[in-house]
Structures are given as structure tokens and as C-alpha cells.
Amino acid sequence: METLGDFIRAQPGHVSRSMYRDEANGWWIDHVAWEDAEAAERAMRRSQDAPELAGVFALIDLDFLRISHYQRVS
């Protein structure tokens, strides 16, 4: 996850990243804030082709992966 964090921090428009883990069920939340939706989308596209992230993505159970994009409302 450190490799993924390095990648995210290097992307234009990155604001912050926080990770959370629910010990009871082993679930994780990786919350990344971006300047705008376009920056988030560009980073997502770049991550899919980044060879340094292949090992990270191989460890993620895609059956449980949920990616959502939220807009601040208050």
C-alpha cells in the first residue's frame, strides 16, 4: 500500500489520503481527496497502466472492491 500511496501522492490534483480498517471484519477504506473529479478520474486511468501497481492490485479481492466518487455537499 505504500507503493500505491507514493503513486497517488505524485498525481496532479491529489489533496489527501487516509486509510481505515475495520478489525472485526477485515475491511479497508482508502479515502483519497482530490481537487476535482477530473483529477480523480485521470489518476484512476493512470493507475490501471502503472506497472509499479500490478503487485498491489494483484492482492486486492476484486469481488469486494468498491470504488465510489463523492461530491462534497456541505
PDB file of N, CA and C in Angstrom:
ATOM      1  N   MET A   1       0.816  -1.195   0.000  1.00  0.00           N
ATOM      2  CA  MET A   1       0.000   0.000   0.000  1.00  0.00           C
ATOM      3  C   MET A   1       0.863   1.264   0.000  1.00  0.00           C
ATOM      4  N   GLU A   2       2.095   1.129   0.462  1.00  0.00           N
ATOM      5  CA  GLU A   2       3.000   2.269   0.407  1.00  0.00           C
ATOM      6  C   GLU A   2       3.287   2.649  -1.047  1.00  0.00           C
ATOM      7  N   THR A   3       3.430   1.648  -1.905  1.00  0.00           N
ATOM      8  CA  THR A   3       3.649   1.908  -3.335  1.00  0.00           C
ATOM      9  C   THR A   3       2.461   2.645  -3.928  1.00  0.00           C
ATOM     10  N   LEU A   4       1.249   2.215  -3.567  1.00  0.00           N
ATOM     11  CA  LEU A   4       0.047   2.887  -4.052  1.00  0.00           C
ATOM     12  C   LEU A   4      -0.003   4.320  -3.517  1.00  0.00           C
ATOM     13  N   GLY A   5       0.347   4.506  -2.260  1.00  0.00           N
ATOM     14  CA  GLY A   5       0.364   5.847  -1.680  1.00  0.00           C
ATOM     15  C   GLY A   5       1.341   6.763  -2.389  1.00  0.00           C
ATOM     16  N   ASP A   6       2.521   6.245  -2.703  1.00  0.00           N
ATOM     17  CA  ASP A   6       3.507   7.041  -3.439  1.00  0.00           C
ATOM     18  C   ASP A   6       2.949   7.462  -4.798  1.00  0.00           C
ATOM     19  N   PHE A   7       2.292   6.518  -5.467  1.00  0.00           N
ATOM     20  CA  PHE A   7       1.711   6.812  -6.776  1.00  0.00           C
ATOM     21  C   PHE A   7       0.641   7.898  -6.647  1.00  0.00           C
ATOM     22  N   ILE A   8      -0.251   7.736  -5.686  1.00  0.00           N
ATOM     23  CA  ILE A   8      -1.351   8.687  -5.511  1.00  0.00           C
ATOM     24  C   ILE A   8      -0.814  10.086  -5.209  1.00  0.00           C
ATOM     25  N   ARG A   9       0.134  10.183  -4.276  1.00  0.00           N
ATOM     26  CA  ARG A   9       0.686  11.492  -3.900  1.00  0.00           C
ATOM     27  C   ARG A   9       1.353  12.201  -5.074  1.00  0.00           C
ATOM     28  N   ALA A  10       1.854  11.446  -6.042  1.00  0.00           N
ATOM     29  CA  ALA A  10       2.537  12.038  -7.195  1.00  0.00           C
ATOM     30  C   ALA A  10       1.564  12.529  -8.270  1.00  0.00           C
ATOM     31  N   GLN A  11       0.276  12.222  -8.131  1.00  0.00           N
ATOM     32  CA  GLN A  11      -0.691  12.590  -9.167  1.00  0.00           C
ATOM     33  C   GLN A  11      -1.148  14.039  -9.007  1.00  0.00           C
ATOM     34  N   PRO A  12      -1.243  14.757 -10.127  1.00  0.00           N
ATOM     35  CA  PRO A  12      -1.743  16.139 -10.075  1.00  0.00           C
ATOM     36  C   PRO A  12      -3.155  16.179  -9.489  1.00  0.00           C
ATOM     37  N   GLY A  13      -3.388  17.106  -8.605  1.00  0.00           N
ATOM     38  CA  GLY A  13      -4.719  17.276  -8.025  1.00  0.00           C
ATOM     39  C   GLY A  13      -4.934  16.512  -6.730  1.00  0.00           C
ATOM     40  N   HIS A  14      -3.929  15.731  -6.291  1.00  0.00           N
ATOM     41  CA  HIS A  14      -4.069  14.991  -5.035  1.00  0.00           C
ATOM     42  C   HIS A  14      -4.103  15.967  -3.866  1.00  0.00           C
ATOM     43  N   VAL A  15      -5.046  15.745  -2.938  1.00  0.00           N
ATOM     44  CA  VAL A  15      -5.165  16.599  -1.756  1.00  0.00           C
ATOM     45  C   VAL A  15      -4.751  15.834  -0.500  1.00  0.00           C
ATOM     46  N   SER A  16      -5.344  14.655  -0.278  1.00  0.00           N
ATOM     47  CA  SER A  16      -5.019  13.888   0.920  1.00  0.00           C
ATOM     48  C   SER A  16      -5.429  12.428   0.741  1.00  0.00           C
ATOM     49  N   ARG A  17      -4.897  11.583   1.634  1.00  0.00           N
ATOM     50  CA  ARG A  17      -5.242  10.167   1.626  1.00  0.00           C
ATOM     51  C   ARG A  17      -5.260   9.670   3.061  1.00  0.00           C
ATOM     52  N   SER A  18      -6.305   8.937   3.427  1.00  0.00           N
ATOM     53  CA  SER A  18      -6.426   8.323   4.748  1.00  0.00           C
ATOM     54  C   SER A  18      -6.905   6.894   4.560  1.00  0.00           C
ATOM     55  N   MET A  19      -6.342   5.985   5.357  1.00  0.00           N
ATOM     56  CA  MET A  19      -6.767   4.581   5.280  1.00  0.00           C
ATOM     57  C   MET A  19      -7.375   4.183   6.618  1.00  0.00           C
ATOM     58  N   TYR A  20      -8.436   3.382   6.537  1.00  0.00           N
ATOM     59  CA  TYR A  20      -9.148   2.912   7.713  1.00  0.00           C
ATOM     60  C   TYR A  20      -9.332   1.410   7.605  1.00  0.00           C
ATOM     61  N   ARG A  21      -9.305   0.728   8.758  1.00  0.00           N
ATOM     62  CA  ARG A  21      -9.510  -0.721   8.758  1.00  0.00           C
ATOM     63  C   ARG A  21     -10.488  -1.089   9.852  1.00  0.00           C
ATOM     64  N   ASP A  22     -11.464  -1.913   9.514  1.00  0.00           N
ATOM     65  CA  ASP A  22     -12.401  -2.476  10.473  1.00  0.00           C
ATOM     66  C   ASP A  22     -11.822  -3.810  10.929  1.00  0.00           C
ATOM     67  N   GLU A  23     -11.303  -3.848  12.135  1.00  0.00           N
ATOM     68  CA  GLU A  23     -10.653  -5.053  12.649  1.00  0.00           C
ATOM     69  C   GLU A  23     -11.608  -6.243  12.726  1.00  0.00           C
ATOM     70  N   ALA A  24     -12.886  -5.987  13.002  1.00  0.00           N
ATOM     71  CA  ALA A  24     -13.848  -7.077  13.194  1.00  0.00           C
ATOM     72  C   ALA A  24     -14.059  -7.902  11.924  1.00  0.00           C
ATOM     73  N   ASN A  25     -14.092  -7.248  10.765  1.00  0.00           N
ATOM     74  CA  ASN A  25     -14.336  -7.995   9.527  1.00  0.00           C
ATOM     75  C   ASN A  25     -13.198  -7.923   8.524  1.00  0.00           C
ATOM     76  N   GLY A  26     -12.151  -7.158   8.842  1.00  0.00           N
ATOM     77  CA  GLY A  26     -11.004  -7.079   7.951  1.00  0.00           C
ATOM     78  C   GLY A  26     -11.195  -6.176   6.745  1.00  0.00           C
ATOM     79  N   TRP A  27     -12.232  -5.368   6.751  1.00  0.00           N
ATOM     80  CA  TRP A  27     -12.482  -4.460   5.628  1.00  0.00           C
ATOM     81  C   TRP A  27     -11.611  -3.222   5.742  1.00  0.00           C
ATOM     82  N   TRP A  28     -11.307  -2.655   4.585  1.00  0.00           N
ATOM     83  CA  TRP A  28     -10.498  -1.447   4.500  1.00  0.00           C
ATOM     84  C   TRP A  28     -11.262  -0.359   3.764  1.00  0.00           C
ATOM     85  N   ILE A  29     -10.999   0.876   4.130  1.00  0.00           N
ATOM     86  CA  ILE A  29     -11.443   2.042   3.355  1.00  0.00           C
ATOM     87  C   ILE A  29     -10.195   2.864   3.062  1.00  0.00           C
ATOM     88  N   ASP A  30      -9.993   3.150   1.806  1.00  0.00           N
ATOM     89  CA  ASP A  30      -8.893   4.001   1.366  1.00  0.00           C
ATOM     90  C   ASP A  30      -9.543   5.268   0.831  1.00  0.00           C
ATOM     91  N   HIS A  31      -9.526   6.331   1.618  1.00  0.00           N
ATOM     92  CA  HIS A  31     -10.199   7.579   1.267  1.00  0.00           C
ATOM     93  C   HIS A  31      -9.177   8.549   0.689  1.00  0.00           C
ATOM     94  N   VAL A  32      -9.384   8.928  -0.560  1.00  0.00           N
ATOM     95  CA  VAL A  32      -8.475   9.856  -1.235  1.00  0.00           C
ATOM     96  C   VAL A  32      -9.271  11.078  -1.663  1.00  0.00           C
ATOM     97  N   ALA A  33      -8.789  12.250  -1.288  1.00  0.00           N
ATOM     98  CA  ALA A  33      -9.431  13.503  -1.686  1.00  0.00           C
ATOM     99  C   ALA A  33      -8.635  14.128  -2.825  1.00  0.00           C
ATOM    100  N   TRP A  34      -9.386  14.659  -3.790  1.00  0.00           N
ATOM    101  CA  TRP A  34      -8.806  15.283  -4.978  1.00  0.00           C
ATOM    102  C   TRP A  34      -9.328  16.703  -5.120  1.00  0.00           C
ATOM    103  N   GLU A  35      -8.603  17.515  -5.871  1.00  0.00           N
ATOM    104  CA  GLU A  35      -9.046  18.892  -6.128  1.00  0.00           C
ATOM    105  C   GLU A  35     -10.370  18.920  -6.865  1.00  0.00           C
ATOM    106  N   ASP A  36     -10.551  17.966  -7.781  1.00  0.00           N
ATOM    107  CA  ASP A  36     -11.800  17.896  -8.544  1.00  0.00           C
ATOM    108  C   ASP A  36     -11.964  16.499  -9.133  1.00  0.00           C
ATOM    109  N   ALA A  37     -13.134  16.247  -9.673  1.00  0.00           N
ATOM    110  CA  ALA A  37     -13.458  14.924 -10.219  1.00  0.00           C
ATOM    111  C   ALA A  37     -12.538  14.550 -11.376  1.00  0.00           C
ATOM    112  N   GLU A  38     -12.157  15.523 -12.178  1.00  0.00           N
ATOM    113  CA  GLU A  38     -11.288  15.236 -13.319  1.00  0.00           C
ATOM    114  C   GLU A  38      -9.932  14.704 -12.862  1.00  0.00           C
ATOM    115  N   ALA A  39      -9.372  15.284 -11.796  1.00  0.00           N
ATOM    116  CA  ALA A  39      -8.089  14.812 -11.276  1.00  0.00           C
ATOM    117  C   ALA A  39      -8.219  13.368 -10.789  1.00  0.00           C
ATOM    118  N   ALA A  40      -9.315  13.061 -10.114  1.00  0.00           N
ATOM    119  CA  ALA A  40      -9.543  11.695  -9.626  1.00  0.00           C
ATOM    120  C   ALA A  40      -9.643  10.713 -10.789  1.00  0.00           C
ATOM    121  N   GLU A  41     -10.369  11.092 -11.814  1.00  0.00           N
ATOM    122  CA  GLU A  41     -10.545  10.215 -12.974  1.00  0.00           C
ATOM    123  C   GLU A  41      -9.239  10.000 -13.728  1.00  0.00           C
ATOM    124  N   ARG A  42      -8.449  11.058 -13.870  1.00  0.00           N
ATOM    125  CA  ARG A  42      -7.149  10.916 -14.540  1.00  0.00           C
ATOM    126  C   ARG A  42      -6.240   9.968 -13.762  1.00  0.00           C
ATOM    127  N   ALA A  43      -6.205  10.127 -12.451  1.00  0.00           N
ATOM    128  CA  ALA A  43      -5.363   9.262 -11.618  1.00  0.00           C
ATOM    129  C   ALA A  43      -5.831   7.808 -11.710  1.00  0.00           C
ATOM    130  N   MET A  44      -7.133   7.593 -11.738  1.00  0.00           N
ATOM    131  CA  MET A  44      -7.674   6.231 -11.845  1.00  0.00           C
ATOM    132  C   MET A  44      -7.222   5.593 -13.160  1.00  0.00           C
ATOM    133  N   ARG A  45      -7.322   6.338 -14.244  1.00  0.00           N
ATOM    134  CA  ARG A  45      -6.893   5.810 -15.545  1.00  0.00           C
ATOM    135  C   ARG A  45      -5.400   5.501 -15.550  1.00  0.00           C
ATOM    136  N   ARG A  46      -4.597   6.404 -15.000  1.00  0.00           N
ATOM    137  CA  ARG A  46      -3.144   6.192 -14.963  1.00  0.00           C
ATOM    138  C   ARG A  46      -2.783   4.976 -14.117  1.00  0.00           C
ATOM    139  N   SER A  47      -3.522   4.767 -13.033  1.00  0.00           N
ATOM    140  CA  SER A  47      -3.191   3.652 -12.134  1.00  0.00           C
ATOM    141  C   SER A  47      -3.369   2.305 -12.820  1.00  0.00           C
ATOM    142  N   GLN A  48      -4.302   2.214 -13.750  1.00  0.00           N
ATOM    143  CA  GLN A  48      -4.578   0.950 -14.434  1.00  0.00           C
ATOM    144  C   GLN A  48      -3.416   0.508 -15.318  1.00  0.00           C
ATOM    145  N   ASP A  49      -2.604   1.449 -15.760  1.00  0.00           N
ATOM    146  CA  ASP A  49      -1.479   1.134 -16.646  1.00  0.00           C
ATOM    147  C   ASP A  49      -0.123   1.248 -15.962  1.00  0.00           C
ATOM    148  N   ALA A  50      -0.109   1.537 -14.655  1.00  0.00           N
ATOM    149  CA  ALA A  50       1.155   1.742 -13.949  1.00  0.00           C
ATOM    150  C   ALA A  50       1.761   0.397 -13.556  1.00  0.00           C
ATOM    151  N   PRO A  51       2.892   0.024 -14.148  1.00  0.00           N
ATOM    152  CA  PRO A  51       3.485  -1.282 -13.845  1.00  0.00           C
ATOM    153  C   PRO A  51       3.850  -1.461 -12.378  1.00  0.00           C
ATOM    154  N   GLU A  52       4.191  -0.373 -11.689  1.00  0.00           N
ATOM    155  CA  GLU A  52       4.568  -0.475 -10.282  1.00  0.00           C
ATOM    156  C   GLU A  52       3.387  -0.835  -9.373  1.00  0.00           C
ATOM    157  N   LEU A  53       2.162  -0.727  -9.903  1.00  0.00           N
ATOM    158  CA  LEU A  53       0.981  -1.047  -9.097  1.00  0.00           C
ATOM    159  C   LEU A  53       0.432  -2.448  -9.351  1.00  0.00           C
ATOM    160  N   ALA A  54       0.998  -3.158 -10.297  1.00  0.00           N
ATOM    161  CA  ALA A  54       0.488  -4.501 -10.626  1.00  0.00           C
ATOM    162  C   ALA A  54       0.487  -5.421  -9.411  1.00  0.00           C
ATOM    163  N   GLY A  55       1.544  -5.389  -8.614  1.00  0.00           N
ATOM    164  CA  GLY A  55       1.620  -6.236  -7.432  1.00  0.00           C
ATOM    165  C   GLY A  55       0.587  -5.867  -6.384  1.00  0.00           C
ATOM    166  N   VAL A  56       0.327  -4.568  -6.235  1.00  0.00           N
ATOM    167  CA  VAL A  56      -0.680  -4.098  -5.285  1.00  0.00           C
ATOM    168  C   VAL A  56      -2.060  -4.586  -5.721  1.00  0.00           C
ATOM    169  N   PHE A  57      -2.387  -4.369  -6.976  1.00  0.00           N
ATOM    170  CA  PHE A  57      -3.711  -4.743  -7.464  1.00  0.00           C
ATOM    171  C   PHE A  57      -3.917  -6.257  -7.439  1.00  0.00           C
ATOM    172  N   ALA A  58      -2.848  -7.023  -7.564  1.00  0.00           N
ATOM    173  CA  ALA A  58      -2.962  -8.484  -7.510  1.00  0.00           C
ATOM    174  C   ALA A  58      -3.387  -8.963  -6.118  1.00  0.00           C
ATOM    175  N   LEU A  59      -3.158  -8.156  -5.086  1.00  0.00           N
ATOM    176  CA  LEU A  59      -3.518  -8.527  -3.719  1.00  0.00           C
ATOM    177  C   LEU A  59      -4.950  -8.161  -3.343  1.00  0.00           C
ATOM    178  N   ILE A  60      -5.619  -7.408  -4.192  1.00  0.00           N
ATOM    179  CA  ILE A  60      -6.968  -6.920  -3.878  1.00  0.00           C
ATOM    180  C   ILE A  60      -8.001  -7.905  -4.411  1.00  0.00           C
ATOM    181  N   ASP A  61      -8.933  -8.294  -3.553  1.00  0.00           N
ATOM    182  CA  ASP A  61     -10.034  -9.182  -3.941  1.00  0.00           C
ATOM    183  C   ASP A  61     -11.077  -8.353  -4.690  1.00  0.00           C
ATOM    184  N   LEU A  62     -11.100  -8.463  -5.994  1.00  0.00           N
ATOM    185  CA  LEU A  62     -11.964  -7.634  -6.825  1.00  0.00           C
ATOM    186  C   LEU A  62     -13.446  -7.895  -6.599  1.00  0.00           C
ATOM    187  N   ASP A  63     -13.798  -9.052  -6.017  1.00  0.00           N
ATOM    188  CA  ASP A  63     -15.198  -9.322  -5.704  1.00  0.00           C
ATOM    189  C   ASP A  63     -15.715  -8.392  -4.610  1.00  0.00           C
ATOM    190  N   PHE A  64     -14.805  -7.835  -3.803  1.00  0.00           N
ATOM    191  CA  PHE A  64     -15.210  -6.974  -2.708  1.00  0.00           C
ATOM    192  C   PHE A  64     -14.817  -5.516  -2.906  1.00  0.00           C
ATOM    193  N   LEU A  65     -14.129  -5.218  -3.982  1.00  0.00           N
ATOM    194  CA  LEU A  65     -13.680  -3.855  -4.250  1.00  0.00           C
ATOM    195  C   LEU A  65     -14.863  -2.984  -4.663  1.00  0.00           C
ATOM    196  N   ARG A  66     -14.975  -1.830  -4.034  1.00  0.00           N
ATOM    197  CA  ARG A  66     -15.989  -0.844  -4.394  1.00  0.00           C
ATOM    198  C   ARG A  66     -15.281   0.494  -4.548  1.00  0.00           C
ATOM    199  N   ILE A  67     -15.457   1.111  -5.693  1.00  0.00           N
ATOM    200  CA  ILE A  67     -14.884   2.431  -5.937  1.00  0.00           C
ATOM    201  C   ILE A  67     -16.040   3.396  -6.116  1.00  0.00           C
ATOM    202  N   SER A  68     -16.031   4.454  -5.352  1.00  0.00           N
ATOM    203  CA  SER A  68     -17.099   5.450  -5.420  1.00  0.00           C
ATOM    204  C   SER A  68     -16.480   6.834  -5.497  1.00  0.00           C
ATOM    205  N   HIS A  69     -17.185   7.725  -6.139  1.00  0.00           N
ATOM    206  CA  HIS A  69     -16.761   9.122  -6.230  1.00  0.00           C
ATOM    207  C   HIS A  69     -17.866   9.974  -5.628  1.00  0.00           C
ATOM    208  N   TYR A  70     -17.506  10.767  -4.655  1.00  0.00           N
ATOM    209  CA  TYR A  70     -18.473  11.586  -3.934  1.00  0.00           C
ATOM    210  C   TYR A  70     -18.163  13.064  -4.138  1.00  0.00           C
ATOM    211  N   GLN A  71     -19.195  13.875  -4.129  1.00  0.00           N
ATOM    212  CA  GLN A  71     -19.054  15.326  -4.190  1.00  0.00           C
ATOM    213  C   GLN A  71     -19.397  15.908  -2.829  1.00  0.00           C
ATOM    214  N   ARG A  72     -18.580  16.820  -2.345  1.00  0.00           N
ATOM    215  CA  ARG A  72     -18.850  17.465  -1.059  1.00  0.00           C
ATOM    216  C   ARG A  72     -20.122  18.299  -1.177  1.00  0.00           C
ATOM    217  N   VAL A  73     -21.005  18.160  -0.199  1.00  0.00           N
ATOM    218  CA  VAL A  73     -22.272  18.904  -0.230  1.00  0.00           C
ATOM    219  C   VAL A  73     -22.392  19.916   0.912  1.00  0.00           C
ATOM    220  N   SER A  74     -21.501  19.874   1.875  1.00  0.00           N
ATOM    221  CA  SER A  74     -21.538  20.889   2.937  1.00  0.00           C
ATOM    222  C   SER A  74     -20.173  21.038   3.561  1.00  0.00           C
TER     223      SER A  74
END
